Amino acid sequence: MNSISQIMEHNRNFVEKKEYEAYISDKFPQKKMMIVTCMDTRLVELLPKAMNFKNGDVKIVKTAGAIISHPFGSAMRSVLVGLYELGADEVVVVGHHECGMASLNGEAMLSHMVERGIDEKVLKTIDHAGIKLDRWLRGFDNVHEGVMETVELIRNHPLLPPGTPVHGMIIDPKTGALDLVVDGYENQASL
């Protein structure tokens, strides 16, 4: 049985047994927070438990490395939707130690693309269009830097509601211990 068949079989049982009832909530985050975090598999259950969140408490946006790289891309749009339309009133960026984005090499990833069937002509066409894929695909030097850059991008966004606290944290993917990198409340007090 393939992965999708397994998912569909499990889902039929999940719905028949009404296991969903434990997760019923509405679309508005009860704790009025947006979380921007990494898509790392270790954080799927650990991060909400470590931060004392349950289903319905927060809106979560997951990106590679907890990075928002473009101020008008889909990740930032999701943050703004959460703040303007869904009742969130603060943002927490949560990176993690041992993040794969800290060692991501754009050139190596381009090689992997070719190995998996992307024609080198496609890569050259994109390059000639002015998109430097090796730079776009590269990671960051360290997780602290990555969190700080995303916090600054959000905090300085021209469409961010004035007075919105933007926090930065780093989680240990083994223990769930959190380090506060940026206290958004302190930053609001200094404005």
N, C-alpha and C. Protein backbone atom coordinates (compact mmCIF):
# COMPACT_ATOMS: atom_id res chain seq x y z
N MET A 1 0.85 -1.18 0.00
CA MET A 1 0.00 0.00 0.00
C MET A 1 0.89 1.24 0.00
N ASN A 2 0.62 2.19 -0.90
CA ASN A 2 1.44 3.39 -0.96
C ASN A 2 1.04 4.40 0.13
N SER A 3 1.83 5.45 0.25
CA SER A 3 1.62 6.43 1.33
C SER A 3 0.24 7.07 1.29
N ILE A 4 -0.23 7.46 0.10
CA ILE A 4 -1.53 8.12 -0.01
C ILE A 4 -2.65 7.15 0.36
N SER A 5 -2.54 5.91 -0.06
CA SER A 5 -3.55 4.90 0.32
C SER A 5 -3.58 4.71 1.83
N GLN A 6 -2.41 4.70 2.46
CA GLN A 6 -2.36 4.57 3.92
C GLN A 6 -3.03 5.76 4.60
N ILE A 7 -2.76 6.95 4.09
CA ILE A 7 -3.38 8.16 4.65
C ILE A 7 -4.90 8.09 4.51
N MET A 8 -5.37 7.73 3.33
CA MET A 8 -6.81 7.69 3.10
C MET A 8 -7.50 6.63 3.97
N GLU A 9 -6.86 5.49 4.14
CA GLU A 9 -7.43 4.44 4.99
C GLU A 9 -7.49 4.92 6.44
N HIS A 10 -6.40 5.51 6.91
CA HIS A 10 -6.39 6.04 8.28
C HIS A 10 -7.47 7.10 8.45
N ASN A 11 -7.61 7.98 7.46
CA ASN A 11 -8.58 9.06 7.55
C ASN A 11 -10.01 8.54 7.63
N ARG A 12 -10.33 7.52 6.86
CA ARG A 12 -11.68 6.94 6.94
C ARG A 12 -11.96 6.46 8.37
N ASN A 13 -10.99 5.78 8.97
CA ASN A 13 -11.16 5.30 10.34
C ASN A 13 -11.25 6.46 11.33
N PHE A 14 -10.41 7.48 11.13
CA PHE A 14 -10.38 8.67 11.99
C PHE A 14 -11.76 9.34 12.02
N VAL A 15 -12.36 9.50 10.84
CA VAL A 15 -13.67 10.16 10.74
C VAL A 15 -14.77 9.25 11.28
N GLU A 16 -14.75 7.98 10.91
CA GLU A 16 -15.77 7.04 11.40
C GLU A 16 -15.81 6.97 12.92
N LYS A 17 -14.65 7.00 13.55
CA LYS A 17 -14.56 6.91 15.01
C LYS A 17 -14.72 8.28 15.69
N LYS A 18 -14.93 9.32 14.88
CA LYS A 18 -15.11 10.70 15.37
C LYS A 18 -13.93 11.18 16.23
N GLU A 19 -12.73 10.75 15.86
CA GLU A 19 -11.54 11.18 16.60
C GLU A 19 -11.27 12.67 16.42
N TYR A 20 -11.85 13.27 15.40
CA TYR A 20 -11.69 14.69 15.14
C TYR A 20 -12.28 15.56 16.24
N GLU A 21 -13.21 15.03 16.99
CA GLU A 21 -13.90 15.83 18.01
C GLU A 21 -12.94 16.45 19.02
N ALA A 22 -11.82 15.80 19.29
CA ALA A 22 -10.84 16.34 20.23
C ALA A 22 -10.13 17.59 19.69
N TYR A 23 -10.27 17.85 18.41
CA TYR A 23 -9.55 18.96 17.77
C TYR A 23 -10.46 20.08 17.30
N ILE A 24 -11.72 20.03 17.62
CA ILE A 24 -12.66 21.04 17.15
C ILE A 24 -12.34 22.40 17.78
N SER A 25 -12.21 23.39 16.94
CA SER A 25 -12.02 24.78 17.37
C SER A 25 -12.50 25.65 16.21
N ASP A 26 -12.37 26.96 16.33
CA ASP A 26 -12.73 27.79 15.19
C ASP A 26 -11.47 28.29 14.52
N LYS A 27 -11.62 29.12 13.49
CA LYS A 27 -10.47 29.54 12.70
C LYS A 27 -9.68 30.68 13.33
N PHE A 28 -10.15 31.25 14.41
CA PHE A 28 -9.48 32.39 15.04
C PHE A 28 -8.55 31.89 16.14
N PRO A 29 -7.29 32.34 16.15
CA PRO A 29 -6.34 31.86 17.15
C PRO A 29 -6.70 32.35 18.56
N GLN A 30 -6.95 31.43 19.46
CA GLN A 30 -7.37 31.78 20.81
C GLN A 30 -6.32 32.60 21.56
N LYS A 31 -5.04 32.33 21.29
CA LYS A 31 -3.96 33.07 21.96
C LYS A 31 -3.50 34.26 21.13
N LYS A 32 -4.21 34.53 20.03
CA LYS A 32 -3.99 35.72 19.21
C LYS A 32 -2.55 35.88 18.72
N MET A 33 -1.94 34.75 18.35
CA MET A 33 -0.55 34.78 17.89
C MET A 33 -0.38 34.12 16.53
N MET A 34 0.59 34.66 15.79
CA MET A 34 1.09 34.06 14.56
C MET A 34 2.46 33.49 14.91
N ILE A 35 2.70 32.25 14.54
CA ILE A 35 4.01 31.64 14.72
C ILE A 35 4.60 31.41 13.32
N VAL A 36 5.83 31.87 13.11
CA VAL A 36 6.56 31.57 11.88
C VAL A 36 7.68 30.64 12.32
N THR A 37 7.65 29.42 11.82
CA THR A 37 8.65 28.45 12.24
C THR A 37 9.12 27.60 11.09
N CYS A 38 10.06 26.73 11.37
CA CYS A 38 10.66 25.87 10.35
C CYS A 38 9.78 24.66 10.07
N MET A 39 9.94 24.11 8.89
CA MET A 39 9.19 22.93 8.50
C MET A 39 9.85 21.64 9.00
N ASP A 40 10.89 21.74 9.81
CA ASP A 40 11.61 20.58 10.33
C ASP A 40 10.65 19.57 10.96
N THR A 41 10.82 18.31 10.63
CA THR A 41 9.92 17.26 11.12
C THR A 41 9.94 17.12 12.64
N ARG A 42 11.05 17.48 13.27
CA ARG A 42 11.15 17.34 14.73
C ARG A 42 10.25 18.32 15.47
N LEU A 43 9.78 19.35 14.78
CA LEU A 43 9.00 20.39 15.45
C LEU A 43 7.49 20.21 15.33
N VAL A 44 7.05 19.23 14.56
CA VAL A 44 5.62 19.06 14.30
C VAL A 44 4.83 18.98 15.61
N GLU A 45 5.25 18.13 16.52
CA GLU A 45 4.55 18.03 17.81
C GLU A 45 5.30 18.73 18.93
N LEU A 46 6.64 18.75 18.85
CA LEU A 46 7.45 19.32 19.91
C LEU A 46 7.19 20.81 20.12
N LEU A 47 7.17 21.58 19.04
CA LEU A 47 7.02 23.04 19.18
C LEU A 47 5.72 23.44 19.89
N PRO A 48 4.56 22.93 19.48
CA PRO A 48 3.34 23.31 20.20
C PRO A 48 3.36 22.89 21.67
N LYS A 49 3.90 21.71 21.95
CA LYS A 49 3.97 21.25 23.35
C LYS A 49 4.92 22.12 24.16
N ALA A 50 6.08 22.45 23.57
CA ALA A 50 7.08 23.26 24.27
C ALA A 50 6.57 24.68 24.54
N MET A 51 5.66 25.16 23.69
CA MET A 51 5.13 26.52 23.84
C MET A 51 3.75 26.54 24.49
N ASN A 52 3.25 25.38 24.88
CA ASN A 52 1.95 25.24 25.55
C ASN A 52 0.80 25.67 24.64
N PHE A 53 0.85 25.24 23.37
CA PHE A 53 -0.22 25.52 22.43
C PHE A 53 -0.95 24.23 22.10
N LYS A 54 -2.25 24.36 21.96
CA LYS A 54 -3.06 23.23 21.50
C LYS A 54 -3.79 23.66 20.23
N ASN A 55 -4.48 22.73 19.62
CA ASN A 55 -5.21 23.02 18.40
C ASN A 55 -6.13 24.22 18.62
N GLY A 56 -6.07 25.18 17.73
CA GLY A 56 -6.92 26.36 17.81
C GLY A 56 -6.29 27.55 18.52
N ASP A 57 -5.11 27.37 19.13
CA ASP A 57 -4.50 28.47 19.89
C ASP A 57 -3.78 29.50 19.02
N VAL A 58 -3.08 29.05 17.97
CA VAL A 58 -2.23 29.93 17.18
C VAL A 58 -2.34 29.61 15.70
N LYS A 59 -1.93 30.56 14.88
CA LYS A 59 -1.76 30.34 13.45
C LYS A 59 -0.28 30.05 13.23
N ILE A 60 0.03 29.01 12.45
CA ILE A 60 1.42 28.62 12.22
C ILE A 60 1.73 28.67 10.73
N VAL A 61 2.80 29.39 10.40
CA VAL A 61 3.32 29.44 9.04
C VAL A 61 4.67 28.72 9.09
N LYS A 62 4.83 27.70 8.24
CA LYS A 62 6.08 26.94 8.23
C LYS A 62 6.82 27.18 6.92
N THR A 63 8.09 27.52 7.05
CA THR A 63 8.95 27.71 5.89
C THR A 63 10.30 27.06 6.20
N ALA A 64 11.08 26.79 5.19
CA ALA A 64 12.42 26.26 5.41
C ALA A 64 13.22 27.26 6.22
N GLY A 65 13.67 26.86 7.40
CA GLY A 65 14.49 27.71 8.25
C GLY A 65 13.75 28.80 9.00
N ALA A 66 12.42 28.79 8.97
CA ALA A 66 11.61 29.86 9.57
C ALA A 66 11.97 31.20 8.94
N ILE A 67 12.29 31.16 7.67
CA ILE A 67 12.74 32.36 6.95
C ILE A 67 11.62 32.91 6.08
N ILE A 68 11.41 34.20 6.21
CA ILE A 68 10.58 34.92 5.24
C ILE A 68 11.59 35.70 4.40
N SER A 69 11.74 35.29 3.15
CA SER A 69 12.79 35.87 2.33
C SER A 69 12.31 37.01 1.43
N HIS A 70 11.01 37.12 1.28
CA HIS A 70 10.50 38.17 0.39
C HIS A 70 9.38 38.92 1.11
N PRO A 71 9.47 40.23 1.21
CA PRO A 71 8.46 40.99 1.95
C PRO A 71 7.06 40.94 1.33
N PHE A 72 6.97 40.56 0.05
CA PHE A 72 5.66 40.47 -0.58
C PHE A 72 5.41 39.08 -1.15
N GLY A 73 5.98 38.06 -0.48
CA GLY A 73 5.75 36.68 -0.86
C GLY A 73 4.61 36.07 -0.06
N SER A 74 4.34 34.82 -0.31
CA SER A 74 3.18 34.15 0.31
C SER A 74 3.31 33.98 1.82
N ALA A 75 4.52 33.80 2.33
CA ALA A 75 4.68 33.64 3.78
C ALA A 75 4.30 34.94 4.51
N MET A 76 4.79 36.07 4.01
CA MET A 76 4.46 37.36 4.63
C MET A 76 2.99 37.67 4.45
N ARG A 77 2.43 37.31 3.32
CA ARG A 77 0.99 37.50 3.11
C ARG A 77 0.22 36.72 4.18
N SER A 78 0.64 35.50 4.48
CA SER A 78 -0.03 34.70 5.50
C SER A 78 0.03 35.38 6.87
N VAL A 79 1.18 35.96 7.19
CA VAL A 79 1.30 36.69 8.46
C VAL A 79 0.30 37.85 8.49
N LEU A 80 0.24 38.62 7.41
CA LEU A 80 -0.67 39.76 7.36
C LEU A 80 -2.14 39.33 7.41
N VAL A 81 -2.49 38.24 6.75
CA VAL A 81 -3.86 37.72 6.83
C VAL A 81 -4.19 37.37 8.27
N GLY A 82 -3.26 36.69 8.96
CA GLY A 82 -3.49 36.34 10.36
C GLY A 82 -3.70 37.57 11.23
N LEU A 83 -2.93 38.62 10.98
CA LEU A 83 -3.01 39.83 11.79
C LEU A 83 -4.25 40.68 11.47
N TYR A 84 -4.61 40.78 10.20
CA TYR A 84 -5.72 41.65 9.82
C TYR A 84 -7.07 40.95 9.76
N GLU A 85 -7.09 39.68 9.42
CA GLU A 85 -8.37 39.01 9.19
C GLU A 85 -8.72 37.93 10.21
N LEU A 86 -7.74 37.43 10.94
CA LEU A 86 -8.01 36.28 11.80
C LEU A 86 -7.80 36.53 13.29
N GLY A 87 -7.54 37.77 13.66
CA GLY A 87 -7.52 38.12 15.07
C GLY A 87 -6.19 37.96 15.79
N ALA A 88 -5.10 37.65 15.09
CA ALA A 88 -3.80 37.60 15.75
C ALA A 88 -3.34 39.03 16.00
N ASP A 89 -2.58 39.23 17.07
CA ASP A 89 -2.09 40.58 17.32
C ASP A 89 -0.60 40.63 17.66
N GLU A 90 0.10 39.49 17.53
CA GLU A 90 1.55 39.48 17.66
C GLU A 90 2.12 38.32 16.87
N VAL A 91 3.44 38.39 16.61
CA VAL A 91 4.12 37.40 15.78
C VAL A 91 5.32 36.87 16.54
N VAL A 92 5.53 35.55 16.46
CA VAL A 92 6.71 34.93 17.06
C VAL A 92 7.43 34.13 15.97
N VAL A 93 8.68 34.48 15.71
CA VAL A 93 9.51 33.74 14.77
C VAL A 93 10.32 32.74 15.59
N VAL A 94 10.20 31.44 15.26
CA VAL A 94 10.89 30.40 16.03
C VAL A 94 11.78 29.58 15.10
N GLY A 95 13.09 29.84 15.18
CA GLY A 95 14.07 29.02 14.48
C GLY A 95 14.49 27.87 15.40
N HIS A 96 15.40 27.04 14.94
CA HIS A 96 15.86 25.94 15.81
C HIS A 96 17.32 25.61 15.56
N HIS A 97 17.95 25.09 16.60
CA HIS A 97 19.33 24.62 16.49
C HIS A 97 19.36 23.44 15.52
N GLU A 98 20.52 23.20 14.91
CA GLU A 98 20.74 22.11 13.97
C GLU A 98 19.83 22.23 12.75
N CYS A 99 19.58 23.45 12.30
CA CYS A 99 18.71 23.67 11.15
C CYS A 99 19.45 23.38 9.85
N GLY A 100 18.80 22.66 8.96
CA GLY A 100 19.39 22.35 7.67
C GLY A 100 19.66 23.57 6.82
N MET A 101 18.94 24.66 7.04
CA MET A 101 19.16 25.88 6.26
C MET A 101 20.51 26.52 6.60
N ALA A 102 21.06 26.20 7.78
CA ALA A 102 22.36 26.76 8.16
C ALA A 102 23.48 26.18 7.30
N SER A 103 23.23 25.04 6.70
CA SER A 103 24.28 24.43 5.89
C SER A 103 23.87 24.27 4.43
N LEU A 104 22.74 24.83 4.05
CA LEU A 104 22.25 24.67 2.69
C LEU A 104 23.16 25.40 1.71
N ASN A 105 23.59 24.68 0.68
CA ASN A 105 24.45 25.22 -0.34
C ASN A 105 23.65 25.28 -1.63
N GLY A 106 23.45 26.47 -2.16
CA GLY A 106 22.66 26.66 -3.36
C GLY A 106 23.21 25.91 -4.56
N GLU A 107 24.53 25.93 -4.73
CA GLU A 107 25.15 25.22 -5.86
C GLU A 107 24.90 23.72 -5.76
N ALA A 108 25.04 23.16 -4.56
CA ALA A 108 24.81 21.72 -4.37
C ALA A 108 23.35 21.37 -4.68
N MET A 109 22.43 22.24 -4.27
CA MET A 109 21.02 21.97 -4.53
C MET A 109 20.73 22.01 -6.03
N LEU A 110 21.35 22.93 -6.73
CA LEU A 110 21.19 22.98 -8.18
C LEU A 110 21.69 21.68 -8.82
N SER A 111 22.78 21.14 -8.32
CA SER A 111 23.29 19.86 -8.82
C SER A 111 22.28 18.74 -8.57
N HIS A 112 21.66 18.77 -7.40
CA HIS A 112 20.64 17.76 -7.08
C HIS A 112 19.43 17.89 -8.02
N MET A 113 19.11 19.10 -8.40
CA MET A 113 18.00 19.31 -9.33
C MET A 113 18.29 18.65 -10.67
N VAL A 114 19.52 18.85 -11.15
CA VAL A 114 19.92 18.25 -12.43
C VAL A 114 19.91 16.73 -12.31
N GLU A 115 20.42 16.22 -11.19
CA GLU A 115 20.43 14.77 -10.97
C GLU A 115 19.01 14.18 -10.99
N ARG A 116 18.03 14.97 -10.54
CA ARG A 116 16.65 14.47 -10.47
C ARG A 116 15.83 14.84 -11.70
N GLY A 117 16.49 15.36 -12.74
CA GLY A 117 15.79 15.52 -14.01
C GLY A 117 15.50 16.92 -14.49
N ILE A 118 15.92 17.94 -13.77
CA ILE A 118 15.73 19.32 -14.26
C ILE A 118 16.80 19.58 -15.32
N ASP A 119 16.35 19.99 -16.48
CA ASP A 119 17.26 20.25 -17.60
C ASP A 119 18.11 21.48 -17.27
N GLU A 120 19.41 21.38 -17.54
CA GLU A 120 20.31 22.52 -17.29
C GLU A 120 19.91 23.75 -18.09
N LYS A 121 19.24 23.54 -19.23
CA LYS A 121 18.75 24.68 -20.03
C LYS A 121 17.73 25.49 -19.24
N VAL A 122 16.91 24.82 -18.45
CA VAL A 122 15.92 25.52 -17.62
C VAL A 122 16.65 26.41 -16.62
N LEU A 123 17.68 25.87 -15.98
CA LEU A 123 18.44 26.64 -14.99
C LEU A 123 19.12 27.85 -15.65
N LYS A 124 19.65 27.65 -16.85
CA LYS A 124 20.30 28.76 -17.57
C LYS A 124 19.27 29.81 -17.97
N THR A 125 18.08 29.40 -18.38
CA THR A 125 17.04 30.35 -18.75
C THR A 125 16.64 31.20 -17.54
N ILE A 126 16.48 30.55 -16.41
CA ILE A 126 16.13 31.28 -15.18
C ILE A 126 17.25 32.26 -14.83
N ASP A 127 18.49 31.83 -14.96
CA ASP A 127 19.63 32.69 -14.68
C ASP A 127 19.64 33.90 -15.62
N HIS A 128 19.39 33.67 -16.91
CA HIS A 128 19.36 34.78 -17.87
C HIS A 128 18.21 35.74 -17.61
N ALA A 129 17.18 35.26 -16.93
CA ALA A 129 16.05 36.13 -16.58
C ALA A 129 16.38 36.99 -15.36
N GLY A 130 17.58 36.80 -14.82
CA GLY A 130 18.02 37.65 -13.70
C GLY A 130 17.80 37.05 -12.33
N ILE A 131 17.35 35.81 -12.28
CA ILE A 131 17.14 35.16 -10.98
C ILE A 131 18.37 34.31 -10.69
N LYS A 132 19.09 34.66 -9.65
CA LYS A 132 20.30 33.94 -9.26
C LYS A 132 19.90 32.84 -8.29
N LEU A 133 19.62 31.66 -8.84
CA LEU A 133 19.12 30.55 -8.05
C LEU A 133 20.07 30.14 -6.93
N ASP A 134 21.38 30.19 -7.17
CA ASP A 134 22.31 29.78 -6.12
C ASP A 134 22.18 30.68 -4.89
N ARG A 135 21.91 31.97 -5.10
CA ARG A 135 21.70 32.88 -3.96
C ARG A 135 20.33 32.69 -3.34
N TRP A 136 19.31 32.48 -4.18
CA TRP A 136 17.95 32.29 -3.70
C TRP A 136 17.83 31.02 -2.86
N LEU A 137 18.59 30.01 -3.21
CA LEU A 137 18.51 28.72 -2.53
C LEU A 137 19.45 28.59 -1.32
N ARG A 138 20.36 29.51 -1.15
CA ARG A 138 21.31 29.35 -0.05
C ARG A 138 20.63 29.58 1.29
N GLY A 139 21.23 29.02 2.31
CA GLY A 139 20.70 29.17 3.66
C GLY A 139 21.30 30.38 4.37
N PHE A 140 21.43 30.28 5.68
CA PHE A 140 22.00 31.35 6.47
C PHE A 140 23.22 30.82 7.21
N ASP A 141 24.03 31.74 7.76
CA ASP A 141 25.26 31.32 8.44
C ASP A 141 24.98 30.68 9.79
N ASN A 142 23.98 31.20 10.51
CA ASN A 142 23.62 30.59 11.79
C ASN A 142 22.16 30.89 12.09
N VAL A 143 21.56 30.10 12.96
CA VAL A 143 20.13 30.21 13.23
C VAL A 143 19.78 31.56 13.87
N HIS A 144 20.65 32.09 14.71
CA HIS A 144 20.40 33.38 15.34
C HIS A 144 20.24 34.46 14.27
N GLU A 145 21.16 34.45 13.30
CA GLU A 145 21.11 35.40 12.18
C GLU A 145 19.81 35.24 11.39
N GLY A 146 19.42 33.98 11.13
CA GLY A 146 18.19 33.73 10.38
C GLY A 146 16.96 34.26 11.09
N VAL A 147 16.87 34.03 12.40
CA VAL A 147 15.73 34.53 13.17
C VAL A 147 15.72 36.05 13.16
N MET A 148 16.88 36.66 13.39
CA MET A 148 16.96 38.12 13.43
C MET A 148 16.55 38.75 12.10
N GLU A 149 16.99 38.16 10.98
CA GLU A 149 16.63 38.71 9.67
C GLU A 149 15.13 38.64 9.42
N THR A 150 14.50 37.54 9.82
CA THR A 150 13.06 37.42 9.61
C THR A 150 12.29 38.35 10.55
N VAL A 151 12.73 38.45 11.80
CA VAL A 151 12.10 39.39 12.73
C VAL A 151 12.17 40.81 12.16
N GLU A 152 13.34 41.20 11.67
CA GLU A 152 13.51 42.55 11.12
C GLU A 152 12.65 42.77 9.88
N LEU A 153 12.57 41.77 9.01
CA LEU A 153 11.74 41.90 7.81
C LEU A 153 10.28 42.14 8.21
N ILE A 154 9.78 41.36 9.15
CA ILE A 154 8.39 41.51 9.59
C ILE A 154 8.20 42.85 10.30
N ARG A 155 9.08 43.14 11.25
CA ARG A 155 8.96 44.36 12.06
C ARG A 155 8.99 45.63 11.21
N ASN A 156 9.75 45.60 10.12
CA ASN A 156 9.89 46.79 9.27
C ASN A 156 8.98 46.76 8.05
N HIS A 157 8.06 45.81 7.99
CA HIS A 157 7.17 45.71 6.84
C HIS A 157 6.22 46.90 6.82
N PRO A 158 6.05 47.54 5.67
CA PRO A 158 5.20 48.74 5.62
C PRO A 158 3.72 48.46 5.91
N LEU A 159 3.29 47.21 5.83
CA LEU A 159 1.88 46.89 6.08
C LEU A 159 1.64 46.26 7.45
N LEU A 160 2.68 46.14 8.26
CA LEU A 160 2.50 45.60 9.61
C LEU A 160 1.69 46.58 10.44
N PRO A 161 0.65 46.10 11.14
CA PRO A 161 -0.12 47.01 11.98
C PRO A 161 0.79 47.68 13.01
N PRO A 162 0.72 49.00 13.14
CA PRO A 162 1.55 49.70 14.13
C PRO A 162 1.34 49.10 15.53
N GLY A 163 2.46 48.97 16.24
CA GLY A 163 2.39 48.47 17.61
C GLY A 163 2.38 46.95 17.73
N THR A 164 2.53 46.23 16.62
CA THR A 164 2.52 44.77 16.66
C THR A 164 3.85 44.25 17.20
N PRO A 165 3.83 43.53 18.32
CA PRO A 165 5.08 42.93 18.82
C PRO A 165 5.53 41.79 17.90
N VAL A 166 6.82 41.79 17.57
CA VAL A 166 7.41 40.71 16.78
C VAL A 166 8.56 40.14 17.61
N HIS A 167 8.41 38.89 18.02
CA HIS A 167 9.37 38.23 18.89
C HIS A 167 10.23 37.27 18.08
N GLY A 168 11.39 36.90 18.62
CA GLY A 168 12.24 35.89 18.01
C GLY A 168 12.69 34.89 19.05
N MET A 169 12.62 33.61 18.73
CA MET A 169 13.05 32.55 19.64
C MET A 169 13.81 31.49 18.86
N ILE A 170 14.60 30.71 19.60
CA ILE A 170 15.27 29.54 19.04
C ILE A 170 14.93 28.37 19.95
N ILE A 171 14.47 27.26 19.33
CA ILE A 171 14.11 26.08 20.09
C ILE A 171 15.16 24.98 19.88
N ASP A 172 15.42 24.23 20.92
CA ASP A 172 16.29 23.06 20.82
C ASP A 172 15.41 21.90 20.34
N PRO A 173 15.71 21.32 19.17
CA PRO A 173 14.84 20.28 18.62
C PRO A 173 14.90 18.95 19.38
N LYS A 174 15.80 18.86 20.34
CA LYS A 174 15.89 17.64 21.15
C LYS A 174 15.09 17.78 22.44
N THR A 175 15.22 18.93 23.10
CA THR A 175 14.61 19.09 24.42
C THR A 175 13.38 20.00 24.43
N GLY A 176 13.24 20.84 23.41
CA GLY A 176 12.15 21.81 23.39
C GLY A 176 12.48 23.09 24.15
N ALA A 177 13.68 23.20 24.71
CA ALA A 177 14.07 24.41 25.44
C ALA A 177 14.08 25.60 24.47
N LEU A 178 13.51 26.71 24.93
CA LEU A 178 13.42 27.93 24.12
C LEU A 178 14.39 29.00 24.63
N ASP A 179 15.05 29.67 23.69
CA ASP A 179 15.87 30.84 24.01
C ASP A 179 15.18 32.04 23.37
N LEU A 180 14.96 33.09 24.16
CA LEU A 180 14.37 34.32 23.64
C LEU A 180 15.48 35.15 23.01
N VAL A 181 15.36 35.41 21.72
CA VAL A 181 16.35 36.19 20.98
C VAL A 181 15.90 37.65 20.87
N VAL A 182 14.61 37.84 20.64
CA VAL A 182 14.05 39.19 20.54
C VAL A 182 12.75 39.23 21.33
N ASP A 183 12.69 40.12 22.30
CA ASP A 183 11.46 40.35 23.06
C ASP A 183 10.73 41.50 22.37
N GLY A 184 9.69 41.18 21.64
CA GLY A 184 8.95 42.19 20.89
C GLY A 184 8.28 43.24 21.76
N TYR A 185 8.02 42.89 23.03
CA TYR A 185 7.43 43.88 23.93
C TYR A 185 8.45 44.96 24.29
N GLU A 186 9.71 44.54 24.50
CA GLU A 186 10.76 45.52 24.80
C GLU A 186 10.99 46.44 23.61
N ASN A 187 10.97 45.85 22.41
CA ASN A 187 11.17 46.66 21.22
C ASN A 187 10.04 47.67 21.04
N GLN A 188 8.83 47.30 21.41
CA GLN A 188 7.70 48.24 21.32
C GLN A 188 7.87 49.38 22.30
N ALA A 189 8.40 49.09 23.48
CA ALA A 189 8.59 50.13 24.51
C ALA A 189 9.61 51.16 24.08
N SER A 190 10.59 50.74 23.24
CA SER A 190 11.64 51.69 22.83
C SER A 190 11.22 52.55 21.64
N LEU A 191 10.07 52.26 21.05
CA LEU A 191 9.64 53.06 19.90
C LEU A 191 9.06 54.38 20.29
